C-alpha cells in the first residue's frame, strides 16, 4: 500500500507575476496560512528589493525576516520579485538578481510562479497602467521606443513596457536551475476558475495548510470598461503620479486623490464598464506573433494545458 508523500516544511516564495491574482493571494489566501508565517510585503521589499544592486547583504535580509526567531517556515509573496510590469523588470535585470538574493537567503524554498495567457496579461497590464495614473493610449504604451528619440529609445536607459517580460519560460528556467525543478511550482491564473481545486493543489504541492474560515469569493480588483478607462485617462492628466511614462497638463495639489476618487466612482457605474476594454488589433497581432516560441519552450518544461487556456502557440 502506497502512503501519501509527506512534505518536509519549507519556506514558500511567491514571485507573481503581476496581474495573476496577486492581491487575492496576499490579502485573502496567504494570511490564512496555518503551516507558515506570512511575512508582510513591506518586510519582503525591505529585505530583497530595497538594497541597491551591489549592496545586498544576505545576513541582513535574514535578520529582517527574523528567520531565527520563527516557529514555522516563512511565506513570502511579492510580485516585484519577478520584475515590475511597466518597465519590463528594468530591462529584465531585476528578476535574475532577485533569484540570486532569494537563493542566498532561502536556498530550500519552494518557489511559486503564477502565469497568465499573454493576450489577457498584456490587456490587464495596460488597464493597470491607466488605473495607476497613465494617460498614453495602448499603441504608445506597448511601443514606446518607436514613439521617442535618442536615449529614450534604449530600454536600459529609459524604462518602458517590454513584451519580453512575459516570456515565462525564461524565469522558470532560471529558478529551476537555482532551486531545482521539483521546488518550482507553476500555476496558470486560469485555474482560478475553480478556486477550491487550485487551493487544494497548492496545499498538496507546497505543504501549505490554510484555514478555511474567512475564505472569500470576492474579486480583489476589477478593471474598468472601455468608456471608464477613457474617462480615467482624462482625469489622469491632472496629476504627475504614479507611473513614469505619461502626459500631464498640470500636477494639481490633491491630483492623486482626485484620481483615486474618479476610479472609485467609475468602477461603481455599470454603464461605464458595460463594454470591455480591448486592445487594438495590431497589439493583439503582436502578442500572437511574439509569444508562441516562449510558450512552446514552457511546454517542454511543464505539462500545462496552455492551448486549452488560450496561450498563443
C-alpha atoms as a PDB file:
ATOM      1  CA  UNK A   1       0.000   0.000   0.000  1.00  0.00           C
ATOM      2  CA  UNK A   2       1.413   3.355  -1.085  1.00  0.00           C
ATOM      3  CA  UNK A   3       1.472   6.109   1.509  1.00  0.00           C
ATOM      4  CA  UNK A   4       0.934   9.751   0.684  1.00  0.00           C
ATOM      5  CA  UNK A   5       4.101  11.780   0.271  1.00  0.00           C
ATOM      6  CA  UNK A   6       4.937  13.782   3.381  1.00  0.00           C
ATOM      7  CA  UNK A   7       6.480  17.150   2.576  1.00  0.00           C
ATOM      8  CA  UNK A   8       9.137  18.496   4.879  1.00  0.00           C
ATOM      9  CA  UNK A   9       8.116  22.024   5.921  1.00  0.00           C
ATOM     10  CA  UNK A  10       9.953  24.626   3.870  1.00  0.00           C
ATOM     11  CA  UNK A  11       9.697  28.322   3.125  1.00  0.00           C
ATOM     12  CA  UNK A  12       7.398  29.344   0.278  1.00  0.00           C
ATOM     13  CA  UNK A  13       8.236  32.265  -2.013  1.00  0.00           C
ATOM     14  CA  UNK A  14       5.553  33.558  -4.380  1.00  0.00           C
ATOM     15  CA  UNK A  15       7.079  35.733  -7.146  1.00  0.00           C
ATOM     16  CA  UNK A  16       3.989  36.912  -9.027  1.00  0.00           C
ATOM     17  CA  UNK A  17       3.680  37.653 -11.949  1.00  0.00           C
ATOM     18  CA  UNK A  18       1.751  40.914 -11.743  1.00  0.00           C
ATOM     19  CA  UNK A  19      -1.905  40.647 -12.824  1.00  0.00           C
ATOM     20  CA  UNK A  20      -2.219  37.000 -11.775  1.00  0.00           C
ATOM     21  CA  UNK A  21      -4.453  37.394  -8.698  1.00  0.00           C
ATOM     22  CA  UNK A  22      -1.570  38.519  -6.501  1.00  0.00           C
ATOM     23  CA  UNK A  23      -3.842  40.814  -4.463  1.00  0.00           C
ATOM     24  CA  UNK A  24      -6.225  37.952  -3.722  1.00  0.00           C
ATOM     25  CA  UNK A  25      -3.349  35.692  -2.717  1.00  0.00           C
ATOM     26  CA  UNK A  26      -1.791  38.343  -0.464  1.00  0.00           C
ATOM     27  CA  UNK A  27      -4.965  39.588   1.195  1.00  0.00           C
ATOM     28  CA  UNK A  28      -7.306  36.615   1.254  1.00  0.00           C
ATOM     29  CA  UNK A  29      -5.350  33.349   0.981  1.00  0.00           C
ATOM     30  CA  UNK A  30      -1.810  33.542   2.332  1.00  0.00           C
ATOM     31  CA  UNK A  31      -2.689  35.392   5.577  1.00  0.00           C
ATOM     32  CA  UNK A  32      -4.854  32.377   6.478  1.00  0.00           C
ATOM     33  CA  UNK A  33      -1.875  30.000   6.381  1.00  0.00           C
ATOM     34  CA  UNK A  34      -1.659  27.706   9.390  1.00  0.00           C
ATOM     35  CA  UNK A  35       1.509  25.927   8.322  1.00  0.00           C
ATOM     36  CA  UNK A  36       3.579  29.029   7.540  1.00  0.00           C
ATOM     37  CA  UNK A  37       4.138  32.540   8.829  1.00  0.00           C
ATOM     38  CA  UNK A  38       3.051  35.070   6.221  1.00  0.00           C
ATOM     39  CA  UNK A  39       5.548  37.927   6.047  1.00  0.00           C
ATOM     40  CA  UNK A  40       4.223  41.432   5.276  1.00  0.00           C
ATOM     41  CA  UNK A  41       5.102  42.712   1.827  1.00  0.00           C
ATOM     42  CA  UNK A  42       6.924  45.750   3.201  1.00  0.00           C
ATOM     43  CA  UNK A  43       9.319  43.484   5.057  1.00  0.00           C
ATOM     44  CA  UNK A  44       9.956  41.415   1.931  1.00  0.00           C
ATOM     45  CA  UNK A  45      10.571  44.560  -0.096  1.00  0.00           C
ATOM     46  CA  UNK A  46      12.972  45.906   2.521  1.00  0.00           C
ATOM     47  CA  UNK A  47      14.878  42.620   2.654  1.00  0.00           C
ATOM     48  CA  UNK A  48      15.215  41.917  -1.071  1.00  0.00           C
ATOM     49  CA  UNK A  49      14.202  44.866  -3.260  1.00  0.00           C
ATOM     50  CA  UNK A  50      15.391  47.907  -1.338  1.00  0.00           C
ATOM     51  CA  UNK A  51      19.178  47.226  -1.303  1.00  0.00           C
ATOM     52  CA  UNK A  52      20.839  48.674  -4.445  1.00  0.00           C
ATOM     53  CA  UNK A  53      22.449  46.323  -6.915  1.00  0.00           C
ATOM     54  CA  UNK A  54      25.778  45.821  -5.159  1.00  0.00           C
ATOM     55  CA  UNK A  55      24.628  46.455  -1.595  1.00  0.00           C
ATOM     56  CA  UNK A  56      22.711  43.276  -0.793  1.00  0.00           C
ATOM     57  CA  UNK A  57      23.620  41.582   2.490  1.00  0.00           C
ATOM     58  CA  UNK A  58      22.111  38.114   2.951  1.00  0.00           C
ATOM     59  CA  UNK A  59      22.629  38.211   6.715  1.00  0.00           C
ATOM     60  CA  UNK A  60      20.749  41.495   6.945  1.00  0.00           C
ATOM     61  CA  UNK A  61      17.911  40.011   4.887  1.00  0.00           C
ATOM     62  CA  UNK A  62      17.738  37.057   7.276  1.00  0.00           C
ATOM     63  CA  UNK A  63      17.612  39.477  10.196  1.00  0.00           C
ATOM     64  CA  UNK A  64      14.789  41.492   8.639  1.00  0.00           C
ATOM     65  CA  UNK A  65      12.829  38.302   8.040  1.00  0.00           C
ATOM     66  CA  UNK A  66      13.608  37.159  11.613  1.00  0.00           C
ATOM     67  CA  UNK A  67      14.296  33.651  10.331  1.00  0.00           C
ATOM     68  CA  UNK A  68      15.991  32.565  13.570  1.00  0.00           C
ATOM     69  CA  UNK A  69      13.021  33.575  15.712  1.00  0.00           C
ATOM     70  CA  UNK A  70      10.138  31.829  13.965  1.00  0.00           C
ATOM     71  CA  UNK A  71       8.469  28.546  14.849  1.00  0.00           C
ATOM     72  CA  UNK A  72       7.119  27.956  11.369  1.00  0.00           C
ATOM     73  CA  UNK A  73       8.623  28.353   7.887  1.00  0.00           C
ATOM     74  CA  UNK A  74       8.012  31.706   6.264  1.00  0.00           C
ATOM     75  CA  UNK A  75       5.698  32.507   3.363  1.00  0.00           C
ATOM     76  CA  UNK A  76       6.723  35.426   1.154  1.00  0.00           C
ATOM     77  CA  UNK A  77       4.576  36.948  -1.589  1.00  0.00           C
ATOM     78  CA  UNK A  78       5.876  39.870  -3.641  1.00  0.00           C
ATOM     79  CA  UNK A  79       5.200  40.186  -7.367  1.00  0.00           C
ATOM     80  CA  UNK A  80       8.006  42.688  -7.890  1.00  0.00           C
ATOM     81  CA  UNK A  81      10.485  39.868  -7.300  1.00  0.00           C
ATOM     82  CA  UNK A  82       9.698  38.887 -10.908  1.00  0.00           C
ATOM     83  CA  UNK A  83      10.103  42.492 -12.095  1.00  0.00           C
ATOM     84  CA  UNK A  84       7.775  45.459 -12.446  1.00  0.00           C
ATOM     85  CA  UNK A  85       5.425  45.137 -15.408  1.00  0.00           C
ATOM     86  CA  UNK A  86       5.528  48.769 -16.657  1.00  0.00           C
ATOM     87  CA  UNK A  87       9.308  48.863 -17.058  1.00  0.00           C
ATOM     88  CA  UNK A  88       9.987  45.338 -18.291  1.00  0.00           C
ATOM     89  CA  UNK A  89      11.562  44.419 -14.976  1.00  0.00           C
ATOM     90  CA  UNK A  90      14.142  47.152 -15.669  1.00  0.00           C
ATOM     91  CA  UNK A  91      15.013  45.534 -18.984  1.00  0.00           C
ATOM     92  CA  UNK A  92      14.954  42.099 -17.366  1.00  0.00           C
ATOM     93  CA  UNK A  93      17.751  42.847 -14.906  1.00  0.00           C
ATOM     94  CA  UNK A  94      15.682  42.703 -11.711  1.00  0.00           C
ATOM     95  CA  UNK A  95      14.420  39.102 -11.832  1.00  0.00           C
ATOM     96  CA  UNK A  96      17.831  37.347 -12.067  1.00  0.00           C
ATOM     97  CA  UNK A  97      19.213  39.437  -9.210  1.00  0.00           C
ATOM     98  CA  UNK A  98      16.167  38.702  -7.042  1.00  0.00           C
ATOM     99  CA  UNK A  99      16.592  34.993  -7.782  1.00  0.00           C
ATOM    100  CA  UNK A 100      20.220  35.165  -6.656  1.00  0.00           C
ATOM    101  CA  UNK A 101      19.271  37.007  -3.460  1.00  0.00           C
ATOM    102  CA  UNK A 102      16.458  34.616  -2.626  1.00  0.00           C
ATOM    103  CA  UNK A 103      18.719  31.619  -3.145  1.00  0.00           C
ATOM    104  CA  UNK A 104      21.320  33.062  -0.790  1.00  0.00           C
ATOM    105  CA  UNK A 105      18.743  33.529   1.976  1.00  0.00           C
ATOM    106  CA  UNK A 106      16.249  30.695   1.392  1.00  0.00           C
ATOM    107  CA  UNK A 107      18.020  28.012  -0.691  1.00  0.00           C
ATOM    108  CA  UNK A 108      15.485  25.290   0.208  1.00  0.00           C
ATOM    109  CA  UNK A 109      12.403  27.392  -0.548  1.00  0.00           C
ATOM    110  CA  UNK A 110       9.508  26.223  -2.662  1.00  0.00           C
ATOM    111  CA  UNK A 111       9.018  28.756  -5.442  1.00  0.00           C
ATOM    112  CA  UNK A 112       5.538  29.696  -6.688  1.00  0.00           C
ATOM    113  CA  UNK A 113       5.057  31.327 -10.100  1.00  0.00           C
ATOM    114  CA  UNK A 114       1.625  32.289 -11.406  1.00  0.00           C
ATOM    115  CA  UNK A 115       1.376  32.862 -15.163  1.00  0.00           C
ATOM    116  CA  UNK A 116      -1.451  34.065 -17.427  1.00  0.00           C
ATOM    117  CA  UNK A 117      -2.136  33.855 -21.137  1.00  0.00           C
ATOM    118  CA  UNK A 118      -0.394  36.764 -22.766  1.00  0.00           C
ATOM    119  CA  UNK A 119      -3.455  38.199 -24.510  1.00  0.00           C
ATOM    120  CA  UNK A 120      -5.058  38.727 -21.115  1.00  0.00           C
ATOM    121  CA  UNK A 121      -1.984  39.685 -19.110  1.00  0.00           C
ATOM    122  CA  UNK A 122      -0.995  42.375 -21.614  1.00  0.00           C
ATOM    123  CA  UNK A 123      -4.552  43.745 -21.632  1.00  0.00           C
ATOM    124  CA  UNK A 124      -4.547  43.732 -17.813  1.00  0.00           C
ATOM    125  CA  UNK A 125      -1.137  45.435 -17.760  1.00  0.00           C
ATOM    126  CA  UNK A 126      -2.466  48.340 -19.803  1.00  0.00           C
ATOM    127  CA  UNK A 127      -5.561  48.538 -17.602  1.00  0.00           C
ATOM    128  CA  UNK A 128      -3.275  48.684 -14.554  1.00  0.00           C
ATOM    129  CA  UNK A 129      -1.207  51.406 -16.214  1.00  0.00           C
ATOM    130  CA  UNK A 130      -4.331  53.573 -16.639  1.00  0.00           C
ATOM    131  CA  UNK A 131      -5.518  52.737 -13.117  1.00  0.00           C
ATOM    132  CA  UNK A 132      -2.125  53.850 -11.807  1.00  0.00           C
ATOM    133  CA  UNK A 133      -2.280  57.250 -13.498  1.00  0.00           C
ATOM    134  CA  UNK A 134      -1.356  56.534 -17.106  1.00  0.00           C
ATOM    135  CA  UNK A 135      -2.539  58.703 -19.985  1.00  0.00           C
ATOM    136  CA  UNK A 136      -0.940  57.101 -23.038  1.00  0.00           C
ATOM    137  CA  UNK A 137      -3.067  55.096 -25.411  1.00  0.00           C
ATOM    138  CA  UNK A 138      -2.276  51.392 -25.823  1.00  0.00           C
ATOM    139  CA  UNK A 139      -0.366  51.863 -29.074  1.00  0.00           C
ATOM    140  CA  UNK A 140       2.116  54.194 -27.387  1.00  0.00           C
ATOM    141  CA  UNK A 141       2.257  52.189 -24.152  1.00  0.00           C
ATOM    142  CA  UNK A 142       3.163  48.946 -25.921  1.00  0.00           C
ATOM    143  CA  UNK A 143       5.535  50.552 -28.443  1.00  0.00           C
ATOM    144  CA  UNK A 144       7.072  53.441 -26.532  1.00  0.00           C
ATOM    145  CA  UNK A 145      10.535  53.005 -28.076  1.00  0.00           C
ATOM    146  CA  UNK A 146       9.130  53.729 -31.527  1.00  0.00           C
ATOM    147  CA  UNK A 147       7.488  56.975 -30.405  1.00  0.00           C
ATOM    148  CA  UNK A 148      10.529  58.676 -28.884  1.00  0.00           C
ATOM    149  CA  UNK A 149      14.077  59.633 -29.863  1.00  0.00           C
ATOM    150  CA  UNK A 150      17.629  59.384 -28.606  1.00  0.00           C
ATOM    151  CA  UNK A 151      18.315  57.804 -25.235  1.00  0.00           C
ATOM    152  CA  UNK A 152      14.589  57.268 -24.641  1.00  0.00           C
ATOM    153  CA  UNK A 153      14.617  54.507 -27.271  1.00  0.00           C
ATOM    154  CA  UNK A 154      17.031  52.436 -25.167  1.00  0.00           C
ATOM    155  CA  UNK A 155      15.241  50.254 -22.590  1.00  0.00           C
ATOM    156  CA  UNK A 156      18.390  50.030 -20.474  1.00  0.00           C
ATOM    157  CA  UNK A 157      18.289  53.846 -20.209  1.00  0.00           C
ATOM    158  CA  UNK A 158      14.566  54.645 -20.145  1.00  0.00           C
ATOM    159  CA  UNK A 159      12.054  52.228 -18.598  1.00  0.00           C
ATOM    160  CA  UNK A 160       9.154  51.068 -20.765  1.00  0.00           C
ATOM    161  CA  UNK A 161       6.878  48.083 -21.274  1.00  0.00           C
ATOM    162  CA  UNK A 162       8.670  45.127 -22.896  1.00  0.00           C
ATOM    163  CA  UNK A 163       6.924  42.093 -24.347  1.00  0.00           C
ATOM    164  CA  UNK A 164       9.921  40.001 -23.290  1.00  0.00           C
ATOM    165  CA  UNK A 165       8.884  40.403 -19.653  1.00  0.00           C
ATOM    166  CA  UNK A 166       6.074  37.885 -20.121  1.00  0.00           C
ATOM    167  CA  UNK A 167       8.200  35.152 -21.691  1.00  0.00           C
ATOM    168  CA  UNK A 168       7.511  32.957 -18.686  1.00  0.00           C
ATOM    169  CA  UNK A 169       9.814  30.093 -19.651  1.00  0.00           C
ATOM    170  CA  UNK A 170      12.908  32.196 -19.020  1.00  0.00           C
ATOM    171  CA  UNK A 171      12.099  32.948 -15.378  1.00  0.00           C
ATOM    172  CA  UNK A 172      11.046  29.351 -14.737  1.00  0.00           C
ATOM    173  CA  UNK A 173      14.259  28.022 -16.302  1.00  0.00           C
ATOM    174  CA  UNK A 174      16.277  30.379 -14.107  1.00  0.00           C
ATOM    175  CA  UNK A 175      14.597  29.178 -10.897  1.00  0.00           C
ATOM    176  CA  UNK A 176      14.738  25.527 -11.971  1.00  0.00           C
ATOM    177  CA  UNK A 177      18.494  25.908 -12.275  1.00  0.00           C
ATOM    178  CA  UNK A 178      18.903  27.552  -8.877  1.00  0.00           C
ATOM    179  CA  UNK A 179      16.375  25.735  -6.700  1.00  0.00           C
ATOM    180  CA  UNK A 180      15.707  22.507  -8.635  1.00  0.00           C
ATOM    181  CA  UNK A 181      12.735  21.738 -10.824  1.00  0.00           C
ATOM    182  CA  UNK A 182      10.834  19.928  -8.068  1.00  0.00           C
ATOM    183  CA  UNK A 183      10.921  23.064  -5.940  1.00  0.00           C
ATOM    184  CA  UNK A 184       9.458  25.383  -8.599  1.00  0.00           C
ATOM    185  CA  UNK A 185       5.672  25.273  -8.938  1.00  0.00           C
ATOM    186  CA  UNK A 186       3.897  26.930 -11.870  1.00  0.00           C
ATOM    187  CA  UNK A 187       0.173  27.698 -11.776  1.00  0.00           C
ATOM    188  CA  UNK A 188      -1.838  29.220 -14.622  1.00  0.00           C
ATOM    189  CA  UNK A 189      -4.043  32.079 -13.469  1.00  0.00           C
ATOM    190  CA  UNK A 190      -6.843  30.482 -15.474  1.00  0.00           C
ATOM    191  CA  UNK A 191      -7.043  27.619 -12.943  1.00  0.00           C
ATOM    192  CA  UNK A 192      -8.653  30.121 -10.585  1.00  0.00           C
ATOM    193  CA  UNK A 193     -11.923  29.393 -12.368  1.00  0.00           C
ATOM    194  CA  UNK A 194     -12.072  26.500  -9.904  1.00  0.00           C
ATOM    195  CA  UNK A 195     -10.553  28.272  -6.910  1.00  0.00           C
ATOM    196  CA  UNK A 196     -11.121  25.457  -4.419  1.00  0.00           C
ATOM    197  CA  UNK A 197      -9.361  22.939  -6.659  1.00  0.00           C
ATOM    198  CA  UNK A 198      -6.415  25.269  -7.152  1.00  0.00           C
ATOM    199  CA  UNK A 199      -6.030  25.926  -3.424  1.00  0.00           C
ATOM    200  CA  UNK A 200      -6.170  22.176  -2.757  1.00  0.00           C
ATOM    201  CA  UNK A 201      -3.487  21.605  -5.387  1.00  0.00           C
ATOM    202  CA  UNK A 202      -1.276  24.271  -3.823  1.00  0.00           C
ATOM    203  CA  UNK A 203      -1.718  22.735  -0.386  1.00  0.00           C
ATOM    204  CA  UNK A 204      -0.573  19.348  -1.736  1.00  0.00           C
ATOM    205  CA  UNK A 205       2.327  20.749  -3.750  1.00  0.00           C
ATOM    206  CA  UNK A 206       3.672  23.170  -1.178  1.00  0.00           C
ATOM    207  CA  UNK A 207       2.964  21.564   2.176  1.00  0.00           C
ATOM    208  CA  UNK A 208       0.657  24.514   2.799  1.00  0.00           C
ATOM    209  CA  UNK A 209      -2.284  24.373   5.206  1.00  0.00           C
ATOM    210  CA  UNK A 210      -4.855  27.151   5.017  1.00  0.00           C
ATOM    211  CA  UNK A 211      -7.607  27.940   7.498  1.00  0.00           C
ATOM    212  CA  UNK A 212     -10.864  27.528   5.548  1.00  0.00           C
ATOM    213  CA  UNK A 213     -12.583  30.115   7.743  1.00  0.00           C
ATOM    214  CA  UNK A 214     -12.725  33.569   6.249  1.00  0.00           C
ATOM    215  CA  UNK A 215     -12.448  32.440   2.629  1.00  0.00           C
ATOM    216  CA  UNK A 216     -13.938  34.946   0.188  1.00  0.00           C
ATOM    217  CA  UNK A 217     -15.052  34.651  -3.403  1.00  0.00           C
ATOM    218  CA  UNK A 218     -14.860  38.411  -3.935  1.00  0.00           C
ATOM    219  CA  UNK A 219     -12.580  39.533  -6.744  1.00  0.00           C
ATOM    220  CA  UNK A 220      -9.907  41.839  -5.349  1.00  0.00           C
ATOM    221  CA  UNK A 221      -9.530  44.057  -8.438  1.00  0.00           C
ATOM    222  CA  UNK A 222     -11.890  44.779 -11.305  1.00  0.00           C
ATOM    223  CA  UNK A 223     -10.771  46.517 -14.487  1.00  0.00           C
ATOM    224  CA  UNK A 224     -12.714  49.414 -15.902  1.00  0.00           C
ATOM    225  CA  UNK A 225     -14.582  49.044 -19.168  1.00  0.00           C
ATOM    226  CA  UNK A 226     -13.680  50.934 -22.339  1.00  0.00           C
ATOM    227  CA  UNK A 227     -15.566  54.148 -21.503  1.00  0.00           C
ATOM    228  CA  UNK A 228     -14.483  54.173 -17.858  1.00  0.00           C
ATOM    229  CA  UNK A 229     -10.871  53.689 -18.901  1.00  0.00           C
ATOM    230  CA  UNK A 230     -11.104  56.622 -21.339  1.00  0.00           C
ATOM    231  CA  UNK A 231     -12.557  58.909 -18.673  1.00  0.00           C
ATOM    232  CA  UNK A 232      -9.879  57.935 -16.168  1.00  0.00           C
ATOM    233  CA  UNK A 233      -7.124  58.665 -18.696  1.00  0.00           C
ATOM    234  CA  UNK A 234      -8.518  62.204 -18.965  1.00  0.00           C
ATOM    235  CA  UNK A 235      -8.601  62.606 -15.172  1.00  0.00           C
ATOM    236  CA  UNK A 236      -5.014  61.363 -15.008  1.00  0.00           C
ATOM    237  CA  UNK A 237      -3.877  64.417 -16.993  1.00  0.00           C
ATOM    238  CA  UNK A 238      -4.156  66.426 -13.758  1.00  0.00           C
ATOM    239  CA  UNK A 239      -1.592  64.504 -11.713  1.00  0.00           C
ATOM    240  CA  UNK A 240       2.028  63.559 -12.342  1.00  0.00           C
ATOM    241  CA  UNK A 241       1.676  60.356 -10.316  1.00  0.00           C
ATOM    242  CA  UNK A 242       2.138  57.486 -10.192  1.00  0.00           C
ATOM    243  CA  UNK A 243       3.534  55.916 -13.375  1.00  0.00           C
ATOM    244  CA  UNK A 244       6.691  57.182 -15.043  1.00  0.00           C
ATOM    245  CA  UNK A 245       5.611  57.251 -18.680  1.00  0.00           C
ATOM    246  CA  UNK A 246       2.652  59.605 -19.218  1.00  0.00           C
ATOM    247  CA  UNK A 247       1.468  63.026 -20.310  1.00  0.00           C
ATOM    248  CA  UNK A 248       0.048  65.540 -17.837  1.00  0.00           C
ATOM    249  CA  UNK A 249      -1.316  69.056 -18.091  1.00  0.00           C
ATOM    250  CA  UNK A 250      -0.654  70.133 -14.523  1.00  0.00           C
ATOM    251  CA  UNK A 251       0.259  68.336 -11.315  1.00  0.00           C
ATOM    252  CA  UNK A 252      -2.613  69.604  -9.188  1.00  0.00           C
ATOM    253  CA  UNK A 253      -2.337  69.558  -5.412  1.00  0.00           C
ATOM    254  CA  UNK A 254      -4.588  66.678  -4.483  1.00  0.00           C
ATOM    255  CA  UNK A 255      -4.499  65.313  -8.013  1.00  0.00           C
ATOM    256  CA  UNK A 256      -3.655  61.859  -6.736  1.00  0.00           C
ATOM    257  CA  UNK A 257      -6.733  61.922  -4.529  1.00  0.00           C
ATOM    258  CA  UNK A 258      -8.806  63.045  -7.498  1.00  0.00           C
ATOM    259  CA  UNK A 259      -7.530  60.068  -9.481  1.00  0.00           C
ATOM    260  CA  UNK A 260      -8.442  57.604  -6.738  1.00  0.00           C
ATOM    261  CA  UNK A 261     -11.887  59.157  -6.304  1.00  0.00           C
ATOM    262  CA  UNK A 262     -12.596  59.082 -10.030  1.00  0.00           C
ATOM    263  CA  UNK A 263     -11.529  55.447 -10.234  1.00  0.00           C
ATOM    264  CA  UNK A 264     -13.792  54.509  -7.308  1.00  0.00           C
ATOM    265  CA  UNK A 265     -16.794  56.294  -8.832  1.00  0.00           C
ATOM    266  CA  UNK A 266     -16.254  54.880 -12.320  1.00  0.00           C
ATOM    267  CA  UNK A 267     -15.905  51.337 -11.012  1.00  0.00           C
ATOM    268  CA  UNK A 268     -19.380  51.629  -9.475  1.00  0.00           C
ATOM    269  CA  UNK A 269     -21.060  52.828 -12.682  1.00  0.00           C
ATOM    270  CA  UNK A 270     -22.163  49.789 -14.715  1.00  0.00           C
ATOM    271  CA  UNK A 271     -22.806  51.931 -17.775  1.00  0.00           C
ATOM    272  CA  UNK A 272     -19.141  52.940 -17.893  1.00  0.00           C
ATOM    273  CA  UNK A 273     -17.979  49.333 -17.841  1.00  0.00           C
ATOM    274  CA  UNK A 274     -20.557  47.535 -19.952  1.00  0.00           C
ATOM    275  CA  UNK A 275     -18.242  47.306 -22.969  1.00  0.00           C
ATOM    276  CA  UNK A 276     -14.918  45.673 -22.034  1.00  0.00           C
ATOM    277  CA  UNK A 277     -11.698  47.484 -22.836  1.00  0.00           C
ATOM    278  CA  UNK A 278      -9.983  45.591 -25.653  1.00  0.00           C
ATOM    279  CA  UNK A 279      -6.514  46.042 -27.087  1.00  0.00           C
ATOM    280  CA  UNK A 280      -6.265  47.301 -30.681  1.00  0.00           C
ATOM    281  CA  UNK A 281      -5.918  44.617 -33.359  1.00  0.00           C
ATOM    282  CA  UNK A 282      -2.240  45.446 -34.146  1.00  0.00           C
ATOM    283  CA  UNK A 283      -1.328  44.889 -30.492  1.00  0.00           C
ATOM    284  CA  UNK A 284      -3.186  41.575 -30.368  1.00  0.00           C
ATOM    285  CA  UNK A 285      -1.405  40.536 -33.564  1.00  0.00           C
ATOM    286  CA  UNK A 286       1.941  41.451 -32.000  1.00  0.00           C
ATOM    287  CA  UNK A 287       1.108  39.305 -28.962  1.00  0.00           C
ATOM    288  CA  UNK A 288       0.063  36.403 -31.189  1.00  0.00           C
ATOM    289  CA  UNK A 289       3.358  36.608 -33.063  1.00  0.00           C
ATOM    290  CA  UNK A 290       5.694  37.224 -30.120  1.00  0.00           C
ATOM    291  CA  UNK A 291       4.867  34.513 -27.588  1.00  0.00           C
ATOM    292  CA  UNK A 292       4.409  31.111 -29.309  1.00  0.00           C
ATOM    293  CA  UNK A 293       8.108  30.221 -29.198  1.00  0.00           C
ATOM    294  CA  UNK A 294       8.335  31.048 -25.497  1.00  0.00           C
ATOM    295  CA  UNK A 295       5.162  29.115 -24.721  1.00  0.00           C
ATOM    296  CA  UNK A 296       6.415  26.075 -26.606  1.00  0.00           C
ATOM    297  CA  UNK A 297       9.592  26.178 -24.525  1.00  0.00           C
ATOM    298  CA  UNK A 298       7.400  26.395 -21.436  1.00  0.00           C
ATOM    299  CA  UNK A 299       5.524  23.271 -22.562  1.00  0.00           C
ATOM    300  CA  UNK A 300       8.864  21.463 -22.694  1.00  0.00           C
ATOM    301  CA  UNK A 301       9.455  22.488 -19.074  1.00  0.00           C
ATOM    302  CA  UNK A 302       5.978  21.806 -17.645  1.00  0.00           C
ATOM    303  CA  UNK A 303       2.992  19.702 -18.678  1.00  0.00           C
ATOM    304  CA  UNK A 304       0.418  22.504 -18.728  1.00  0.00           C
ATOM    305  CA  UNK A 305      -2.724  22.837 -20.895  1.00  0.00           C
ATOM    306  CA  UNK A 306      -1.604  26.104 -22.459  1.00  0.00           C
ATOM    307  CA  UNK A 307      -3.526  25.705 -25.724  1.00  0.00           C
ATOM    308  CA  UNK A 308      -6.726  24.920 -23.849  1.00  0.00           C
ATOM    309  CA  UNK A 309      -6.213  28.026 -21.703  1.00  0.00           C
ATOM    310  CA  UNK A 310      -5.749  30.400 -24.636  1.00  0.00           C
ATOM    311  CA  UNK A 311      -1.979  30.915 -24.620  1.00  0.00           C
ATOM    312  CA  UNK A 312      -0.582  31.797 -28.066  1.00  0.00           C
ATOM    313  CA  UNK A 313       1.101  28.744 -29.541  1.00  0.00           C
END
